[in-house]
Amino acid sequence: MMEFDQGEFVFDRSEDEKGYRQWQERLREKRREIESRFGILLGTRVRVQLVGEMKPIEGMIILPEVKAPCERGKLKLQMGHREFHLSQVESISVIR
């Protein structure tokens, strides 16, 4: 009979929590950077008029998972299931 010692994985809970907090902080930093750089409001109810469309869309703008950096006009945004680029945005207004 062969013996095989698989070893042991030890996950330090405090490290997991630290990693999660760092990940959350990076997300907040990215959000602030995008809001100030591109002048859009993430996570706030807004009305967006897209170029060439008759009716505005309403909801919260989020950033879909994007791996690569992008230029201003190529910034991809998402509202619900709808994705669009910043260059398609004619106007954004906050819904109060």
PDB file of N, CA and C in Angstrom:
ATOM      1  N   MET A   1       0.841  -1.183   0.000  1.00  0.00           N
ATOM      2  CA  MET A   1       0.000   0.000   0.000  1.00  0.00           C
ATOM      3  C   MET A   1       0.884   1.243   0.000  1.00  0.00           C
ATOM      4  N   MET A   2       0.571   2.163  -0.884  1.00  0.00           N
ATOM      5  CA  MET A   2       1.338   3.401  -0.999  1.00  0.00           C
ATOM      6  C   MET A   2       0.832   4.434  -0.011  1.00  0.00           C
ATOM      7  N   GLU A   3       1.741   5.113   0.617  1.00  0.00           N
ATOM      8  CA  GLU A   3       1.327   6.203   1.502  1.00  0.00           C
ATOM      9  C   GLU A   3       1.594   7.524   0.800  1.00  0.00           C
ATOM     10  N   PHE A   4       0.669   8.394   0.932  1.00  0.00           N
ATOM     11  CA  PHE A   4       0.812   9.688   0.279  1.00  0.00           C
ATOM     12  C   PHE A   4       0.371  10.762   1.257  1.00  0.00           C
ATOM     13  N   ASP A   5       1.282  11.643   1.617  1.00  0.00           N
ATOM     14  CA  ASP A   5       0.961  12.733   2.527  1.00  0.00           C
ATOM     15  C   ASP A   5       0.628  13.957   1.687  1.00  0.00           C
ATOM     16  N   GLN A   6      -0.608  14.301   1.697  1.00  0.00           N
ATOM     17  CA  GLN A   6      -1.079  15.418   0.878  1.00  0.00           C
ATOM     18  C   GLN A   6      -0.669  16.767   1.452  1.00  0.00           C
ATOM     19  N   GLY A   7      -0.303  16.813   2.688  1.00  0.00           N
ATOM     20  CA  GLY A   7       0.052  18.083   3.307  1.00  0.00           C
ATOM     21  C   GLY A   7      -1.173  18.761   3.873  1.00  0.00           C
ATOM     22  N   GLU A   8      -0.993  19.959   4.312  1.00  0.00           N
ATOM     23  CA  GLU A   8      -2.084  20.678   4.958  1.00  0.00           C
ATOM     24  C   GLU A   8      -2.087  22.123   4.485  1.00  0.00           C
ATOM     25  N   PHE A   9      -3.266  22.625   4.139  1.00  0.00           N
ATOM     26  CA  PHE A   9      -3.422  24.027   3.800  1.00  0.00           C
ATOM     27  C   PHE A   9      -3.890  24.765   5.047  1.00  0.00           C
ATOM     28  N   VAL A  10      -3.202  25.814   5.384  1.00  0.00           N
ATOM     29  CA  VAL A  10      -3.595  26.608   6.543  1.00  0.00           C
ATOM     30  C   VAL A  10      -3.971  27.990   6.030  1.00  0.00           C
ATOM     31  N   PHE A  11      -5.209  28.355   6.227  1.00  0.00           N
ATOM     32  CA  PHE A  11      -5.676  29.660   5.796  1.00  0.00           C
ATOM     33  C   PHE A  11      -5.843  30.542   7.020  1.00  0.00           C
ATOM     34  N   ASP A  12      -5.015  31.551   7.113  1.00  0.00           N
ATOM     35  CA  ASP A  12      -5.073  32.471   8.242  1.00  0.00           C
ATOM     36  C   ASP A  12      -6.235  33.439   8.024  1.00  0.00           C
ATOM     37  N   ARG A  13      -7.208  33.356   8.872  1.00  0.00           N
ATOM     38  CA  ARG A  13      -8.423  34.165   8.726  1.00  0.00           C
ATOM     39  C   ARG A  13      -8.113  35.659   8.675  1.00  0.00           C
ATOM     40  N   SER A  14      -7.183  36.113   9.481  1.00  0.00           N
ATOM     41  CA  SER A  14      -6.878  37.550   9.492  1.00  0.00           C
ATOM     42  C   SER A  14      -6.308  37.998   8.146  1.00  0.00           C
ATOM     43  N   GLU A  15      -5.542  37.153   7.488  1.00  0.00           N
ATOM     44  CA  GLU A  15      -5.011  37.504   6.171  1.00  0.00           C
ATOM     45  C   GLU A  15      -6.136  37.602   5.144  1.00  0.00           C
ATOM     46  N   ASP A  16      -7.113  36.683   5.239  1.00  0.00           N
ATOM     47  CA  ASP A  16      -8.251  36.730   4.319  1.00  0.00           C
ATOM     48  C   ASP A  16      -9.001  38.045   4.479  1.00  0.00           C
ATOM     49  N   GLU A  17      -9.235  38.454   5.708  1.00  0.00           N
ATOM     50  CA  GLU A  17      -9.954  39.695   5.964  1.00  0.00           C
ATOM     51  C   GLU A  17      -9.145  40.899   5.485  1.00  0.00           C
ATOM     52  N   LYS A  18      -7.847  40.848   5.678  1.00  0.00           N
ATOM     53  CA  LYS A  18      -6.982  41.947   5.227  1.00  0.00           C
ATOM     54  C   LYS A  18      -7.028  42.048   3.701  1.00  0.00           C
ATOM     55  N   GLY A  19      -6.952  40.915   3.034  1.00  0.00           N
ATOM     56  CA  GLY A  19      -7.015  40.904   1.571  1.00  0.00           C
ATOM     57  C   GLY A  19      -8.332  41.441   1.062  1.00  0.00           C
ATOM     58  N   TYR A  20      -9.422  41.068   1.735  1.00  0.00           N
ATOM     59  CA  TYR A  20     -10.745  41.560   1.338  1.00  0.00           C
ATOM     60  C   TYR A  20     -10.832  43.072   1.519  1.00  0.00           C
ATOM     61  N   ARG A  21     -10.329  43.583   2.642  1.00  0.00           N
ATOM     62  CA  ARG A  21     -10.355  45.035   2.881  1.00  0.00           C
ATOM     63  C   ARG A  21      -9.523  45.768   1.829  1.00  0.00           C
ATOM     64  N   GLN A  22      -8.366  45.209   1.473  1.00  0.00           N
ATOM     65  CA  GLN A  22      -7.525  45.841   0.453  1.00  0.00           C
ATOM     66  C   GLN A  22      -8.237  45.853  -0.893  1.00  0.00           C
ATOM     67  N   TRP A  23      -8.915  44.762  -1.219  1.00  0.00           N
ATOM     68  CA  TRP A  23      -9.659  44.676  -2.473  1.00  0.00           C
ATOM     69  C   TRP A  23     -10.768  45.724  -2.490  1.00  0.00           C
ATOM     70  N   GLN A  24     -11.501  45.868  -1.374  1.00  0.00           N
ATOM     71  CA  GLN A  24     -12.558  46.871  -1.281  1.00  0.00           C
ATOM     72  C   GLN A  24     -11.996  48.283  -1.442  1.00  0.00           C
ATOM     73  N   GLU A  25     -10.863  48.560  -0.831  1.00  0.00           N
ATOM     74  CA  GLU A  25     -10.244  49.882  -0.936  1.00  0.00           C
ATOM     75  C   GLU A  25      -9.813  50.168  -2.371  1.00  0.00           C
ATOM     76  N   ARG A  26      -9.257  49.167  -3.067  1.00  0.00           N
ATOM     77  CA  ARG A  26      -8.873  49.356  -4.478  1.00  0.00           C
ATOM     78  C   ARG A  26     -10.108  49.675  -5.322  1.00  0.00           C
ATOM     79  N   LEU A  27     -11.224  49.007  -5.034  1.00  0.00           N
ATOM     80  CA  LEU A  27     -12.463  49.307  -5.770  1.00  0.00           C
ATOM     81  C   LEU A  27     -12.916  50.740  -5.520  1.00  0.00           C
ATOM     82  N   ARG A  28     -12.854  51.182  -4.257  1.00  0.00           N
ATOM     83  CA  ARG A  28     -13.247  52.564  -3.935  1.00  0.00           C
ATOM     84  C   ARG A  28     -12.338  53.568  -4.636  1.00  0.00           C
ATOM     85  N   GLU A  29     -11.024  53.284  -4.645  1.00  0.00           N
ATOM     86  CA  GLU A  29     -10.078  54.181  -5.325  1.00  0.00           C
ATOM     87  C   GLU A  29     -10.370  54.244  -6.818  1.00  0.00           C
ATOM     88  N   LYS A  30     -10.641  53.097  -7.434  1.00  0.00           N
ATOM     89  CA  LYS A  30     -10.935  53.060  -8.864  1.00  0.00           C
ATOM     90  C   LYS A  30     -12.209  53.852  -9.154  1.00  0.00           C
ATOM     91  N   ARG A  31     -13.218  53.701  -8.282  1.00  0.00           N
ATOM     92  CA  ARG A  31     -14.468  54.424  -8.458  1.00  0.00           C
ATOM     93  C   ARG A  31     -14.246  55.931  -8.394  1.00  0.00           C
ATOM     94  N   ARG A  32     -13.496  56.387  -7.373  1.00  0.00           N
ATOM     95  CA  ARG A  32     -13.224  57.829  -7.244  1.00  0.00           C
ATOM     96  C   ARG A  32     -12.456  58.341  -8.455  1.00  0.00           C
ATOM     97  N   GLU A  33     -11.479  57.568  -8.904  1.00  0.00           N
ATOM     98  CA  GLU A  33     -10.676  57.977 -10.061  1.00  0.00           C
ATOM     99  C   GLU A  33     -11.550  58.118 -11.305  1.00  0.00           C
ATOM    100  N   ILE A  34     -12.410  57.150 -11.551  1.00  0.00           N
ATOM    101  CA  ILE A  34     -13.268  57.186 -12.735  1.00  0.00           C
ATOM    102  C   ILE A  34     -14.276  58.319 -12.638  1.00  0.00           C
ATOM    103  N   GLU A  35     -14.863  58.513 -11.459  1.00  0.00           N
ATOM    104  CA  GLU A  35     -15.834  59.603 -11.301  1.00  0.00           C
ATOM    105  C   GLU A  35     -15.193  60.958 -11.559  1.00  0.00           C
ATOM    106  N   SER A  36     -13.993  61.173 -11.034  1.00  0.00           N
ATOM    107  CA  SER A  36     -13.363  62.478 -11.233  1.00  0.00           C
ATOM    108  C   SER A  36     -12.793  62.620 -12.643  1.00  0.00           C
ATOM    109  N   ARG A  37     -12.222  61.573 -13.176  1.00  0.00           N
ATOM    110  CA  ARG A  37     -11.590  61.641 -14.496  1.00  0.00           C
ATOM    111  C   ARG A  37     -12.616  61.786 -15.614  1.00  0.00           C
ATOM    112  N   PHE A  38     -13.717  61.041 -15.513  1.00  0.00           N
ATOM    113  CA  PHE A  38     -14.681  61.025 -16.600  1.00  0.00           C
ATOM    114  C   PHE A  38     -15.952  61.814 -16.306  1.00  0.00           C
ATOM    115  N   GLY A  39     -16.114  62.280 -15.067  1.00  0.00           N
ATOM    116  CA  GLY A  39     -17.272  63.089 -14.727  1.00  0.00           C
ATOM    117  C   GLY A  39     -18.584  62.326 -14.717  1.00  0.00           C
ATOM    118  N   ILE A  40     -18.546  61.055 -14.326  1.00  0.00           N
ATOM    119  CA  ILE A  40     -19.776  60.276 -14.232  1.00  0.00           C
ATOM    120  C   ILE A  40     -20.007  59.866 -12.783  1.00  0.00           C
ATOM    121  N   LEU A  41     -21.234  59.542 -12.455  1.00  0.00           N
ATOM    122  CA  LEU A  41     -21.591  59.153 -11.095  1.00  0.00           C
ATOM    123  C   LEU A  41     -21.892  57.660 -11.056  1.00  0.00           C
ATOM    124  N   LEU A  42     -21.075  56.906 -10.346  1.00  0.00           N
ATOM    125  CA  LEU A  42     -21.285  55.472 -10.219  1.00  0.00           C
ATOM    126  C   LEU A  42     -22.107  55.178  -8.970  1.00  0.00           C
ATOM    127  N   GLY A  43     -23.051  54.251  -9.079  1.00  0.00           N
ATOM    128  CA  GLY A  43     -23.836  53.845  -7.922  1.00  0.00           C
ATOM    129  C   GLY A  43     -24.890  54.846  -7.489  1.00  0.00           C
ATOM    130  N   THR A  44     -25.184  55.848  -8.309  1.00  0.00           N
ATOM    131  CA  THR A  44     -26.210  56.860  -8.028  1.00  0.00           C
ATOM    132  C   THR A  44     -27.273  56.756  -9.114  1.00  0.00           C
ATOM    133  N   ARG A  45     -28.548  56.886  -8.745  1.00  0.00           N
ATOM    134  CA  ARG A  45     -29.605  56.841  -9.769  1.00  0.00           C
ATOM    135  C   ARG A  45     -29.483  58.048 -10.692  1.00  0.00           C
ATOM    136  N   VAL A  46     -29.343  57.743 -11.981  1.00  0.00           N
ATOM    137  CA  VAL A  46     -29.178  58.799 -12.978  1.00  0.00           C
ATOM    138  C   VAL A  46     -30.060  58.534 -14.197  1.00  0.00           C
ATOM    139  N   ARG A  47     -30.218  59.571 -14.978  1.00  0.00           N
ATOM    140  CA  ARG A  47     -30.900  59.485 -16.279  1.00  0.00           C
ATOM    141  C   ARG A  47     -29.818  59.740 -17.324  1.00  0.00           C
ATOM    142  N   VAL A  48     -29.685  58.819 -18.266  1.00  0.00           N
ATOM    143  CA  VAL A  48     -28.643  58.915 -19.289  1.00  0.00           C
ATOM    144  C   VAL A  48     -29.289  58.987 -20.667  1.00  0.00           C
ATOM    145  N   GLN A  49     -28.905  60.008 -21.419  1.00  0.00           N
ATOM    146  CA  GLN A  49     -29.348  60.115 -22.812  1.00  0.00           C
ATOM    147  C   GLN A  49     -28.189  59.647 -23.676  1.00  0.00           C
ATOM    148  N   LEU A  50     -28.433  58.596 -24.456  1.00  0.00           N
ATOM    149  CA  LEU A  50     -27.400  58.075 -25.347  1.00  0.00           C
ATOM    150  C   LEU A  50     -27.570  58.674 -26.734  1.00  0.00           C
ATOM    151  N   VAL A  51     -26.470  58.903 -27.405  1.00  0.00           N
ATOM    152  CA  VAL A  51     -26.471  59.478 -28.752  1.00  0.00           C
ATOM    153  C   VAL A  51     -27.308  58.605 -29.686  1.00  0.00           C
ATOM    154  N   GLY A  52     -28.210  59.249 -30.428  1.00  0.00           N
ATOM    155  CA  GLY A  52     -29.007  58.544 -31.427  1.00  0.00           C
ATOM    156  C   GLY A  52     -30.216  57.806 -30.879  1.00  0.00           C
ATOM    157  N   GLU A  53     -30.498  57.918 -29.585  1.00  0.00           N
ATOM    158  CA  GLU A  53     -31.661  57.250 -29.008  1.00  0.00           C
ATOM    159  C   GLU A  53     -32.698  58.286 -28.608  1.00  0.00           C
ATOM    160  N   MET A  54     -33.966  57.931 -28.785  1.00  0.00           N
ATOM    161  CA  MET A  54     -35.057  58.856 -28.499  1.00  0.00           C
ATOM    162  C   MET A  54     -35.305  59.019 -27.001  1.00  0.00           C
ATOM    163  N   LYS A  55     -35.314  57.915 -26.270  1.00  0.00           N
ATOM    164  CA  LYS A  55     -35.646  57.952 -24.845  1.00  0.00           C
ATOM    165  C   LYS A  55     -34.404  57.747 -23.992  1.00  0.00           C
ATOM    166  N   PRO A  56     -34.312  58.492 -22.894  1.00  0.00           N
ATOM    167  CA  PRO A  56     -33.197  58.259 -21.967  1.00  0.00           C
ATOM    168  C   PRO A  56     -33.426  56.964 -21.195  1.00  0.00           C
ATOM    169  N   ILE A  57     -32.353  56.423 -20.629  1.00  0.00           N
ATOM    170  CA  ILE A  57     -32.464  55.256 -19.767  1.00  0.00           C
ATOM    171  C   ILE A  57     -32.180  55.711 -18.339  1.00  0.00           C
ATOM    172  N   GLU A  58     -32.777  55.039 -17.385  1.00  0.00           N
ATOM    173  CA  GLU A  58     -32.613  55.414 -15.985  1.00  0.00           C
ATOM    174  C   GLU A  58     -32.150  54.226 -15.173  1.00  0.00           C
ATOM    175  N   GLY A  59     -31.322  54.514 -14.171  1.00  0.00           N
ATOM    176  CA  GLY A  59     -30.827  53.472 -13.285  1.00  0.00           C
ATOM    177  C   GLY A  59     -29.504  53.887 -12.681  1.00  0.00           C
ATOM    178  N   MET A  60     -28.750  52.893 -12.231  1.00  0.00           N
ATOM    179  CA  MET A  60     -27.423  53.143 -11.658  1.00  0.00           C
ATOM    180  C   MET A  60     -26.355  52.659 -12.620  1.00  0.00           C
ATOM    181  N   ILE A  61     -25.391  53.504 -12.871  1.00  0.00           N
ATOM    182  CA  ILE A  61     -24.276  53.135 -13.738  1.00  0.00           C
ATOM    183  C   ILE A  61     -23.255  52.384 -12.895  1.00  0.00           C
ATOM    184  N   ILE A  62     -22.792  51.259 -13.428  1.00  0.00           N
ATOM    185  CA  ILE A  62     -21.698  50.518 -12.804  1.00  0.00           C
ATOM    186  C   ILE A  62     -20.643  50.240 -13.869  1.00  0.00           C
ATOM    187  N   LEU A  63     -19.490  49.795 -13.428  1.00  0.00           N
ATOM    188  CA  LEU A  63     -18.444  49.398 -14.354  1.00  0.00           C
ATOM    189  C   LEU A  63     -18.470  47.888 -14.487  1.00  0.00           C
ATOM    190  N   PRO A  64     -18.663  47.387 -15.698  1.00  0.00           N
ATOM    191  CA  PRO A  64     -18.566  45.940 -15.852  1.00  0.00           C
ATOM    192  C   PRO A  64     -17.114  45.535 -15.628  1.00  0.00           C
ATOM    193  N   GLU A  65     -16.877  44.275 -15.339  1.00  0.00           N
ATOM    194  CA  GLU A  65     -15.502  43.818 -15.112  1.00  0.00           C
ATOM    195  C   GLU A  65     -14.696  44.005 -16.382  1.00  0.00           C
ATOM    196  N   VAL A  66     -13.721  44.872 -16.306  1.00  0.00           N
ATOM    197  CA  VAL A  66     -12.845  45.150 -17.442  1.00  0.00           C
ATOM    198  C   VAL A  66     -11.419  44.907 -16.984  1.00  0.00           C
ATOM    199  N   LYS A  67     -10.698  44.126 -17.740  1.00  0.00           N
ATOM    200  CA  LYS A  67      -9.337  43.759 -17.346  1.00  0.00           C
ATOM    201  C   LYS A  67      -8.293  44.778 -17.811  1.00  0.00           C
ATOM    202  N   ALA A  68      -8.511  45.360 -18.965  1.00  0.00           N
ATOM    203  CA  ALA A  68      -7.499  46.247 -19.541  1.00  0.00           C
ATOM    204  C   ALA A  68      -7.871  47.713 -19.332  1.00  0.00           C
ATOM    205  N   PRO A  69      -6.853  48.583 -19.228  1.00  0.00           N
ATOM    206  CA  PRO A  69      -7.144  50.019 -19.130  1.00  0.00           C
ATOM    207  C   PRO A  69      -7.765  50.508 -20.439  1.00  0.00           C
ATOM    208  N   CYS A  70      -8.462  51.623 -20.357  1.00  0.00           N
ATOM    209  CA  CYS A  70      -9.118  52.115 -21.563  1.00  0.00           C
ATOM    210  C   CYS A  70      -8.970  53.623 -21.672  1.00  0.00           C
ATOM    211  N   GLU A  71      -9.265  54.120 -22.859  1.00  0.00           N
ATOM    212  CA  GLU A  71      -9.245  55.559 -23.103  1.00  0.00           C
ATOM    213  C   GLU A  71     -10.615  56.123 -22.760  1.00  0.00           C
ATOM    214  N   ARG A  72     -10.687  57.430 -22.644  1.00  0.00           N
ATOM    215  CA  ARG A  72     -11.939  58.095 -22.249  1.00  0.00           C
ATOM    216  C   ARG A  72     -13.144  57.638 -23.077  1.00  0.00           C
ATOM    217  N   GLY A  73     -13.073  57.685 -24.360  1.00  0.00           N
ATOM    218  CA  GLY A  73     -14.201  57.326 -25.218  1.00  0.00           C
ATOM    219  C   GLY A  73     -14.503  55.842 -25.229  1.00  0.00           C
ATOM    220  N   LYS A  74     -13.551  55.038 -24.813  1.00  0.00           N
ATOM    221  CA  LYS A  74     -13.720  53.592 -24.858  1.00  0.00           C
ATOM    222  C   LYS A  74     -14.126  53.004 -23.510  1.00  0.00           C
ATOM    223  N   LEU A  75     -14.302  53.845 -22.488  1.00  0.00           N
ATOM    224  CA  LEU A  75     -14.695  53.366 -21.164  1.00  0.00           C
ATOM    225  C   LEU A  75     -16.065  52.705 -21.268  1.00  0.00           C
ATOM    226  N   LYS A  76     -16.145  51.434 -20.883  1.00  0.00           N
ATOM    227  CA  LYS A  76     -17.399  50.696 -20.950  1.00  0.00           C
ATOM    228  C   LYS A  76     -18.151  50.857 -19.637  1.00  0.00           C
ATOM    229  N   LEU A  77     -19.440  51.145 -19.744  1.00  0.00           N
ATOM    230  CA  LEU A  77     -20.322  51.332 -18.595  1.00  0.00           C
ATOM    231  C   LEU A  77     -21.482  50.360 -18.705  1.00  0.00           C
ATOM    232  N   GLN A  78     -22.172  50.161 -17.584  1.00  0.00           N
ATOM    233  CA  GLN A  78     -23.315  49.260 -17.589  1.00  0.00           C
ATOM    234  C   GLN A  78     -24.433  49.831 -16.732  1.00  0.00           C
ATOM    235  N   MET A  79     -25.653  49.693 -17.226  1.00  0.00           N
ATOM    236  CA  MET A  79     -26.841  50.081 -16.474  1.00  0.00           C
ATOM    237  C   MET A  79     -27.823  48.930 -16.659  1.00  0.00           C
ATOM    238  N   GLY A  80     -28.088  48.185 -15.586  1.00  0.00           N
ATOM    239  CA  GLY A  80     -28.892  46.975 -15.710  1.00  0.00           C
ATOM    240  C   GLY A  80     -28.155  45.989 -16.603  1.00  0.00           C
ATOM    241  N   HIS A  81     -28.844  45.480 -17.611  1.00  0.00           N
ATOM    242  CA  HIS A  81     -28.210  44.552 -18.556  1.00  0.00           C
ATOM    243  C   HIS A  81     -27.619  45.273 -19.761  1.00  0.00           C
ATOM    244  N   ARG A  82     -27.791  46.571 -19.809  1.00  0.00           N
ATOM    245  CA  ARG A  82     -27.364  47.381 -20.951  1.00  0.00           C
ATOM    246  C   ARG A  82     -25.928  47.853 -20.777  1.00  0.00           C
ATOM    247  N   GLU A  83     -25.070  47.577 -21.751  1.00  0.00           N
ATOM    248  CA  GLU A  83     -23.694  48.073 -21.741  1.00  0.00           C
ATOM    249  C   GLU A  83     -23.537  49.107 -22.848  1.00  0.00           C
ATOM    250  N   PHE A  84     -22.745  50.139 -22.559  1.00  0.00           N
ATOM    251  CA  PHE A  84     -22.486  51.190 -23.542  1.00  0.00           C
ATOM    252  C   PHE A  84     -21.146  51.826 -23.213  1.00  0.00           C
ATOM    253  N   HIS A  85     -20.622  52.572 -24.170  1.00  0.00           N
ATOM    254  CA  HIS A  85     -19.349  53.262 -23.978  1.00  0.00           C
ATOM    255  C   HIS A  85     -19.605  54.715 -23.579  1.00  0.00           C
ATOM    256  N   LEU A  86     -18.652  55.286 -22.870  1.00  0.00           N
ATOM    257  CA  LEU A  86     -18.760  56.685 -22.460  1.00  0.00           C
ATOM    258  C   LEU A  86     -18.960  57.594 -23.667  1.00  0.00           C
ATOM    259  N   SER A  87     -18.353  57.243 -24.792  1.00  0.00           N
ATOM    260  CA  SER A  87     -18.479  58.080 -25.994  1.00  0.00           C
ATOM    261  C   SER A  87     -19.916  58.112 -26.523  1.00  0.00           C
ATOM    262  N   GLN A  88     -20.775  57.183 -26.100  1.00  0.00           N
ATOM    263  CA  GLN A  88     -22.170  57.155 -26.528  1.00  0.00           C
ATOM    264  C   GLN A  88     -23.063  58.039 -25.656  1.00  0.00           C
ATOM    265  N   VAL A  89     -22.530  58.526 -24.535  1.00  0.00           N
ATOM    266  CA  VAL A  89     -23.324  59.307 -23.596  1.00  0.00           C
ATOM    267  C   VAL A  89     -23.430  60.749 -24.057  1.00  0.00           C
ATOM    268  N   GLU A  90     -24.676  61.196 -24.269  1.00  0.00           N
ATOM    269  CA  GLU A  90     -24.923  62.588 -24.652  1.00  0.00           C
ATOM    270  C   GLU A  90     -25.056  63.447 -23.399  1.00  0.00           C
ATOM    271  N   SER A  91     -25.774  62.928 -22.373  1.00  0.00           N
ATOM    272  CA  SER A  91     -25.923  63.665 -21.121  1.00  0.00           C
ATOM    273  C   SER A  91     -26.237  62.696 -19.976  1.00  0.00           C
ATOM    274  N   ILE A  92     -25.869  63.124 -18.770  1.00  0.00           N
ATOM    275  CA  ILE A  92     -26.175  62.372 -17.552  1.00  0.00           C
ATOM    276  C   ILE A  92     -26.720  63.373 -16.532  1.00  0.00           C
ATOM    277  N   SER A  93     -27.850  63.031 -15.916  1.00  0.00           N
ATOM    278  CA  SER A  93     -28.367  63.873 -14.847  1.00  0.00           C
ATOM    279  C   SER A  93     -28.805  62.989 -13.680  1.00  0.00           C
ATOM    280  N   VAL A  94     -28.602  63.503 -12.478  1.00  0.00           N
ATOM    281  CA  VAL A  94     -28.959  62.779 -11.266  1.00  0.00           C
ATOM    282  C   VAL A  94     -30.468  62.819 -11.085  1.00  0.00           C
ATOM    283  N   ILE A  95     -31.055  61.689 -10.710  1.00  0.00           N
ATOM    284  CA  ILE A  95     -32.486  61.614 -10.415  1.00  0.00           C
ATOM    285  C   ILE A  95     -32.643  61.820  -8.916  1.00  0.00           C
ATOM    286  N   ARG A  96     -33.406  62.826  -8.550  1.00  0.00           N
ATOM    287  CA  ARG A  96     -33.597  63.121  -7.123  1.00  0.00           C
ATOM    288  C   ARG A  96     -34.932  62.617  -6.640  1.00  0.00           C
TER     289      ARG A  96
END
